[in-house]
Amino acid sequence: MQDFNDLQHLWKQDSKQHILPPKRLSKVKDFRQELIRKEITGAVLLLVTGLIILALAYFLDFRHKTLALYTAMFIVSCLCFIQASLMMTTVGKIKKINEVALPTEHLQQWQQFDSFRKKRIHWNMPIYHLILCIAISIYLREILVGASFNYYLLTYLPTYSWMLFSYFYLGKRQLAKIDRSINEVIFELQELERQFGN
């Protein structure tokens, strides 16, 4: 009879572990879906941008057709495709997070994703922006051959001001927002883990 009671107690504990509070988990699920949607949208936009740049290189009749000009356009296009590919890799990582896993496992999956994301951003963002700046600089130099200094200034200044603004302000702000959301998810799951650990 004692064995039966132990078995019943174990069964109740195990079934209890699988029941997660729906309000908290719907917040985690919504964020996961939003993250997937944003990454896919970004990847599609980058893919389209890369294709448009290749189409422009093929169809536009440039005044000075140089190897440097086409190389710069090809580099920017390749950067778009590489970034799109990285974003789709991120989507794959997010989709591997099992929403019906036990709180401990679910928490570990989010922590692993957060670690992967931070490592990728650490090397990807600076390299991406550096190569993009170099390629755009080559492109503009080739396009503006023979132009006056004022024209150079009017072209380079807004272009690089925008790139610096997007990297140091918009990019960092967006990353901080996602970091906060991921930290909230991790905190929620840590709370659940503590509850189920008791």
C-alpha atoms as a PDB file:
ATOM      1  CA  MET A   1       0.000   0.000   0.000  1.00  0.00           C
ATOM      2  CA  GLN A   2       2.933   2.308   0.804  1.00  0.00           C
ATOM      3  CA  ASP A   3       4.311   1.759  -2.723  1.00  0.00           C
ATOM      4  CA  PHE A   4       0.982   2.784  -4.236  1.00  0.00           C
ATOM      5  CA  ASN A   5       0.916   6.013  -2.168  1.00  0.00           C
ATOM      6  CA  ASP A   6       4.494   6.823  -3.214  1.00  0.00           C
ATOM      7  CA  LEU A   7       3.606   6.191  -6.845  1.00  0.00           C
ATOM      8  CA  GLN A   8       0.497   8.374  -6.580  1.00  0.00           C
ATOM      9  CA  HIS A   9       2.521  11.171  -4.932  1.00  0.00           C
ATOM     10  CA  LEU A  10       5.170  10.946  -7.682  1.00  0.00           C
ATOM     11  CA  TRP A  11       2.498  11.032 -10.412  1.00  0.00           C
ATOM     12  CA  LYS A  12       0.905  14.142  -8.862  1.00  0.00           C
ATOM     13  CA  GLN A  13       4.296  15.863  -8.638  1.00  0.00           C
ATOM     14  CA  ASP A  14       5.158  15.021 -12.252  1.00  0.00           C
ATOM     15  CA  SER A  15       1.785  16.192 -13.617  1.00  0.00           C
ATOM     16  CA  LYS A  16       2.061  19.335 -11.509  1.00  0.00           C
ATOM     17  CA  GLN A  17       5.429  20.107 -13.130  1.00  0.00           C
ATOM     18  CA  HIS A  18       3.891  20.150 -16.605  1.00  0.00           C
ATOM     19  CA  ILE A  19       1.119  22.617 -15.743  1.00  0.00           C
ATOM     20  CA  LEU A  20       2.494  26.113 -16.261  1.00  0.00           C
ATOM     21  CA  PRO A  21       0.611  29.331 -15.482  1.00  0.00           C
ATOM     22  CA  PRO A  22      -0.999  30.400 -18.777  1.00  0.00           C
ATOM     23  CA  LYS A  23      -0.736  34.180 -18.202  1.00  0.00           C
ATOM     24  CA  ARG A  24       3.016  34.129 -17.734  1.00  0.00           C
ATOM     25  CA  LEU A  25       3.629  31.701 -20.566  1.00  0.00           C
ATOM     26  CA  SER A  26       1.417  33.587 -23.021  1.00  0.00           C
ATOM     27  CA  LYS A  27       3.689  36.609 -22.481  1.00  0.00           C
ATOM     28  CA  VAL A  28       6.746  34.461 -23.272  1.00  0.00           C
ATOM     29  CA  LYS A  29       4.988  32.897 -26.273  1.00  0.00           C
ATOM     30  CA  ASP A  30       3.911  36.315 -27.639  1.00  0.00           C
ATOM     31  CA  PHE A  31       7.462  37.650 -27.359  1.00  0.00           C
ATOM     32  CA  ARG A  32       8.840  34.540 -29.086  1.00  0.00           C
ATOM     33  CA  GLN A  33       6.382  34.981 -31.987  1.00  0.00           C
ATOM     34  CA  GLU A  34       7.157  38.711 -32.232  1.00  0.00           C
ATOM     35  CA  LEU A  35      10.895  37.968 -32.342  1.00  0.00           C
ATOM     36  CA  ILE A  36      10.403  35.385 -35.119  1.00  0.00           C
ATOM     37  CA  ARG A  37       8.225  37.810 -37.099  1.00  0.00           C
ATOM     38  CA  LYS A  38      10.775  40.648 -36.809  1.00  0.00           C
ATOM     39  CA  GLU A  39      13.692  38.443 -37.853  1.00  0.00           C
ATOM     40  CA  ILE A  40      11.807  37.038 -40.871  1.00  0.00           C
ATOM     41  CA  THR A  41      10.664  40.532 -41.933  1.00  0.00           C
ATOM     42  CA  GLY A  42      14.231  41.833 -41.639  1.00  0.00           C
ATOM     43  CA  ALA A  43      15.601  38.877 -43.619  1.00  0.00           C
ATOM     44  CA  VAL A  44      13.039  39.353 -46.422  1.00  0.00           C
ATOM     45  CA  LEU A  45      13.765  43.107 -46.632  1.00  0.00           C
ATOM     46  CA  LEU A  46      17.515  42.468 -46.794  1.00  0.00           C
ATOM     47  CA  LEU A  47      17.041  39.801 -49.464  1.00  0.00           C
ATOM     48  CA  VAL A  48      14.917  42.177 -51.567  1.00  0.00           C
ATOM     49  CA  THR A  49      17.470  44.992 -51.051  1.00  0.00           C
ATOM     50  CA  GLY A  50      20.305  42.723 -52.202  1.00  0.00           C
ATOM     51  CA  LEU A  51      18.361  41.711 -55.321  1.00  0.00           C
ATOM     52  CA  ILE A  52      17.496  45.355 -56.134  1.00  0.00           C
ATOM     53  CA  ILE A  53      21.184  46.330 -55.868  1.00  0.00           C
ATOM     54  CA  LEU A  54      22.162  43.490 -58.234  1.00  0.00           C
ATOM     55  CA  ALA A  55      19.395  44.551 -60.649  1.00  0.00           C
ATOM     56  CA  LEU A  56      20.634  48.167 -60.550  1.00  0.00           C
ATOM     57  CA  ALA A  57      24.193  47.014 -61.241  1.00  0.00           C
ATOM     58  CA  TYR A  58      22.959  45.033 -64.246  1.00  0.00           C
ATOM     59  CA  PHE A  59      20.396  47.435 -65.731  1.00  0.00           C
ATOM     60  CA  LEU A  60      21.650  50.952 -64.907  1.00  0.00           C
ATOM     61  CA  ASP A  61      23.858  52.618 -67.479  1.00  0.00           C
ATOM     62  CA  PHE A  62      26.595  54.218 -65.374  1.00  0.00           C
ATOM     63  CA  ARG A  63      28.670  57.049 -66.792  1.00  0.00           C
ATOM     64  CA  HIS A  64      31.928  55.502 -65.548  1.00  0.00           C
ATOM     65  CA  LYS A  65      31.693  51.721 -65.631  1.00  0.00           C
ATOM     66  CA  THR A  66      34.570  50.532 -63.472  1.00  0.00           C
ATOM     67  CA  LEU A  67      35.410  47.272 -61.757  1.00  0.00           C
ATOM     68  CA  ALA A  68      35.516  49.103 -58.400  1.00  0.00           C
ATOM     69  CA  LEU A  69      31.940  50.372 -58.876  1.00  0.00           C
ATOM     70  CA  TYR A  70      30.522  46.926 -59.612  1.00  0.00           C
ATOM     71  CA  THR A  71      32.638  45.334 -56.869  1.00  0.00           C
ATOM     72  CA  ALA A  72      31.231  47.808 -54.314  1.00  0.00           C
ATOM     73  CA  MET A  73      27.658  47.057 -55.417  1.00  0.00           C
ATOM     74  CA  PHE A  74      28.347  43.318 -55.311  1.00  0.00           C
ATOM     75  CA  ILE A  75      29.814  43.605 -51.782  1.00  0.00           C
ATOM     76  CA  VAL A  76      26.765  45.524 -50.492  1.00  0.00           C
ATOM     77  CA  SER A  77      24.470  42.968 -52.114  1.00  0.00           C
ATOM     78  CA  CYS A  78      26.423  40.062 -50.578  1.00  0.00           C
ATOM     79  CA  LEU A  79      26.287  41.759 -47.174  1.00  0.00           C
ATOM     80  CA  CYS A  80      22.492  41.900 -47.473  1.00  0.00           C
ATOM     81  CA  PHE A  81      22.329  38.186 -48.331  1.00  0.00           C
ATOM     82  CA  ILE A  82      24.699  37.223 -45.487  1.00  0.00           C
ATOM     83  CA  GLN A  83      22.707  39.278 -42.964  1.00  0.00           C
ATOM     84  CA  ALA A  84      19.448  37.717 -44.217  1.00  0.00           C
ATOM     85  CA  SER A  85      21.003  34.266 -43.798  1.00  0.00           C
ATOM     86  CA  LEU A  86      22.131  35.089 -40.240  1.00  0.00           C
ATOM     87  CA  MET A  87      18.647  36.334 -39.396  1.00  0.00           C
ATOM     88  CA  MET A  88      17.108  33.094 -40.671  1.00  0.00           C
ATOM     89  CA  THR A  89      19.643  31.146 -38.553  1.00  0.00           C
ATOM     90  CA  THR A  90      18.394  33.163 -35.575  1.00  0.00           C
ATOM     91  CA  VAL A  91      14.798  32.250 -36.502  1.00  0.00           C
ATOM     92  CA  GLY A  92      15.831  28.580 -36.469  1.00  0.00           C
ATOM     93  CA  LYS A  93      17.344  28.997 -32.996  1.00  0.00           C
ATOM     94  CA  ILE A  94      14.188  30.713 -31.689  1.00  0.00           C
ATOM     95  CA  LYS A  95      11.950  28.005 -33.162  1.00  0.00           C
ATOM     96  CA  LYS A  96      13.977  25.339 -31.324  1.00  0.00           C
ATOM     97  CA  ILE A  97      12.885  26.830 -27.998  1.00  0.00           C
ATOM     98  CA  ASN A  98      10.344  24.327 -26.695  1.00  0.00           C
ATOM     99  CA  GLU A  99       7.396  26.143 -25.118  1.00  0.00           C
ATOM    100  CA  VAL A 100       5.994  22.990 -23.516  1.00  0.00           C
ATOM    101  CA  ALA A 101       9.272  21.993 -21.856  1.00  0.00           C
ATOM    102  CA  LEU A 102       9.631  21.998 -18.081  1.00  0.00           C
ATOM    103  CA  PRO A 103      10.499  25.433 -16.627  1.00  0.00           C
ATOM    104  CA  THR A 104      14.173  24.512 -16.034  1.00  0.00           C
ATOM    105  CA  GLU A 105      14.669  23.271 -19.598  1.00  0.00           C
ATOM    106  CA  HIS A 106      12.693  26.179 -21.062  1.00  0.00           C
ATOM    107  CA  LEU A 107      14.829  28.624 -19.069  1.00  0.00           C
ATOM    108  CA  GLN A 108      18.069  26.971 -20.274  1.00  0.00           C
ATOM    109  CA  GLN A 109      16.912  27.217 -23.894  1.00  0.00           C
ATOM    110  CA  TRP A 110      16.248  30.965 -23.557  1.00  0.00           C
ATOM    111  CA  GLN A 111      19.599  31.481 -21.801  1.00  0.00           C
ATOM    112  CA  GLN A 112      21.396  29.589 -24.590  1.00  0.00           C
ATOM    113  CA  PHE A 113      19.591  31.668 -27.218  1.00  0.00           C
ATOM    114  CA  ASP A 114      20.500  34.898 -25.385  1.00  0.00           C
ATOM    115  CA  SER A 115      24.159  33.820 -25.246  1.00  0.00           C
ATOM    116  CA  PHE A 116      24.147  32.916 -28.983  1.00  0.00           C
ATOM    117  CA  ARG A 117      22.521  36.251 -29.865  1.00  0.00           C
ATOM    118  CA  LYS A 118      24.990  38.320 -27.836  1.00  0.00           C
ATOM    119  CA  LYS A 119      27.995  36.516 -29.362  1.00  0.00           C
ATOM    120  CA  ARG A 120      26.625  37.051 -32.864  1.00  0.00           C
ATOM    121  CA  ILE A 121      25.964  40.753 -32.270  1.00  0.00           C
ATOM    122  CA  HIS A 122      29.421  41.227 -30.703  1.00  0.00           C
ATOM    123  CA  TRP A 123      31.267  40.289 -33.911  1.00  0.00           C
ATOM    124  CA  ASN A 124      28.573  40.775 -36.558  1.00  0.00           C
ATOM    125  CA  MET A 125      27.519  44.397 -36.032  1.00  0.00           C
ATOM    126  CA  PRO A 126      30.978  46.039 -36.184  1.00  0.00           C
ATOM    127  CA  ILE A 127      32.156  43.900 -39.127  1.00  0.00           C
ATOM    128  CA  TYR A 128      28.903  44.435 -41.050  1.00  0.00           C
ATOM    129  CA  HIS A 129      28.981  48.224 -40.609  1.00  0.00           C
ATOM    130  CA  LEU A 130      32.706  48.495 -41.357  1.00  0.00           C
ATOM    131  CA  ILE A 131      32.438  46.541 -44.635  1.00  0.00           C
ATOM    132  CA  LEU A 132      29.259  48.437 -45.555  1.00  0.00           C
ATOM    133  CA  CYS A 133      30.986  51.811 -44.972  1.00  0.00           C
ATOM    134  CA  ILE A 134      33.978  50.776 -47.102  1.00  0.00           C
ATOM    135  CA  ALA A 135      31.776  49.480 -49.944  1.00  0.00           C
ATOM    136  CA  ILE A 136      29.572  52.596 -49.940  1.00  0.00           C
ATOM    137  CA  SER A 137      32.674  54.803 -49.860  1.00  0.00           C
ATOM    138  CA  ILE A 138      34.063  53.037 -52.963  1.00  0.00           C
ATOM    139  CA  TYR A 139      30.661  53.256 -54.678  1.00  0.00           C
ATOM    140  CA  LEU A 140      30.287  56.994 -53.983  1.00  0.00           C
ATOM    141  CA  ARG A 141      33.861  57.726 -55.049  1.00  0.00           C
ATOM    142  CA  GLU A 142      33.245  55.982 -58.393  1.00  0.00           C
ATOM    143  CA  ILE A 143      29.857  57.648 -58.949  1.00  0.00           C
ATOM    144  CA  LEU A 144      31.136  61.133 -58.080  1.00  0.00           C
ATOM    145  CA  VAL A 145      34.229  61.094 -60.313  1.00  0.00           C
ATOM    146  CA  GLY A 146      34.812  64.653 -61.541  1.00  0.00           C
ATOM    147  CA  ALA A 147      32.297  66.218 -59.133  1.00  0.00           C
ATOM    148  CA  SER A 148      33.121  69.326 -57.100  1.00  0.00           C
ATOM    149  CA  PHE A 149      34.198  69.221 -53.444  1.00  0.00           C
ATOM    150  CA  ASN A 150      30.830  70.688 -52.376  1.00  0.00           C
ATOM    151  CA  TYR A 151      29.004  67.883 -54.156  1.00  0.00           C
ATOM    152  CA  TYR A 152      31.243  65.324 -52.406  1.00  0.00           C
ATOM    153  CA  LEU A 153      30.476  66.975 -49.080  1.00  0.00           C
ATOM    154  CA  LEU A 154      26.713  67.046 -49.751  1.00  0.00           C
ATOM    155  CA  THR A 155      26.795  63.335 -50.574  1.00  0.00           C
ATOM    156  CA  TYR A 156      29.235  61.930 -48.009  1.00  0.00           C
ATOM    157  CA  LEU A 157      28.129  63.971 -44.990  1.00  0.00           C
ATOM    158  CA  PRO A 158      24.436  62.887 -44.904  1.00  0.00           C
ATOM    159  CA  THR A 159      25.318  59.290 -45.887  1.00  0.00           C
ATOM    160  CA  TYR A 160      27.873  58.744 -43.125  1.00  0.00           C
ATOM    161  CA  SER A 161      25.949  60.816 -40.585  1.00  0.00           C
ATOM    162  CA  TRP A 162      22.990  58.499 -41.115  1.00  0.00           C
ATOM    163  CA  MET A 163      25.181  55.373 -40.885  1.00  0.00           C
ATOM    164  CA  LEU A 164      26.781  56.540 -37.621  1.00  0.00           C
ATOM    165  CA  PHE A 165      23.377  57.523 -36.217  1.00  0.00           C
ATOM    166  CA  SER A 166      21.862  54.153 -37.172  1.00  0.00           C
ATOM    167  CA  TYR A 167      24.796  52.217 -35.665  1.00  0.00           C
ATOM    168  CA  PHE A 168      25.416  54.137 -32.452  1.00  0.00           C
ATOM    169  CA  TYR A 169      21.873  55.251 -31.643  1.00  0.00           C
ATOM    170  CA  LEU A 170      19.120  53.345 -33.457  1.00  0.00           C
ATOM    171  CA  GLY A 171      20.946  50.006 -33.496  1.00  0.00           C
ATOM    172  CA  LYS A 172      22.028  50.163 -29.856  1.00  0.00           C
ATOM    173  CA  ARG A 173      18.556  51.301 -28.786  1.00  0.00           C
ATOM    174  CA  GLN A 174      16.868  48.427 -30.633  1.00  0.00           C
ATOM    175  CA  LEU A 175      19.329  45.901 -29.179  1.00  0.00           C
ATOM    176  CA  ALA A 176      18.780  47.269 -25.661  1.00  0.00           C
ATOM    177  CA  LYS A 177      15.001  46.915 -26.130  1.00  0.00           C
ATOM    178  CA  ILE A 178      15.341  43.271 -27.211  1.00  0.00           C
ATOM    179  CA  ASP A 179      17.800  42.619 -24.345  1.00  0.00           C
ATOM    180  CA  ARG A 180      15.258  43.975 -21.852  1.00  0.00           C
ATOM    181  CA  SER A 181      12.516  41.756 -23.293  1.00  0.00           C
ATOM    182  CA  ILE A 182      14.728  38.638 -23.230  1.00  0.00           C
ATOM    183  CA  ASN A 183      15.793  39.430 -19.650  1.00  0.00           C
ATOM    184  CA  GLU A 184      12.107  39.734 -18.693  1.00  0.00           C
ATOM    185  CA  VAL A 185      11.419  36.318 -20.257  1.00  0.00           C
ATOM    186  CA  ILE A 186      14.387  34.794 -18.407  1.00  0.00           C
ATOM    187  CA  PHE A 187      13.238  36.401 -15.137  1.00  0.00           C
ATOM    188  CA  GLU A 188       9.684  35.044 -15.620  1.00  0.00           C
ATOM    189  CA  LEU A 189      11.046  31.552 -16.250  1.00  0.00           C
ATOM    190  CA  GLN A 190      13.379  31.786 -13.241  1.00  0.00           C
ATOM    191  CA  GLU A 191      10.345  32.681 -11.123  1.00  0.00           C
ATOM    192  CA  LEU A 192       8.486  29.655 -12.497  1.00  0.00           C
ATOM    193  CA  GLU A 193      11.510  27.448 -11.846  1.00  0.00           C
ATOM    194  CA  ARG A 194      11.636  28.649  -8.241  1.00  0.00           C
ATOM    195  CA  GLN A 195       7.905  27.976  -7.816  1.00  0.00           C
ATOM    196  CA  PHE A 196       8.134  24.477  -9.231  1.00  0.00           C
ATOM    197  CA  GLY A 197      11.319  23.794  -7.314  1.00  0.00           C
ATOM    198  CA  ASN A 198       9.439  24.317  -4.044  1.00  0.00           C
END
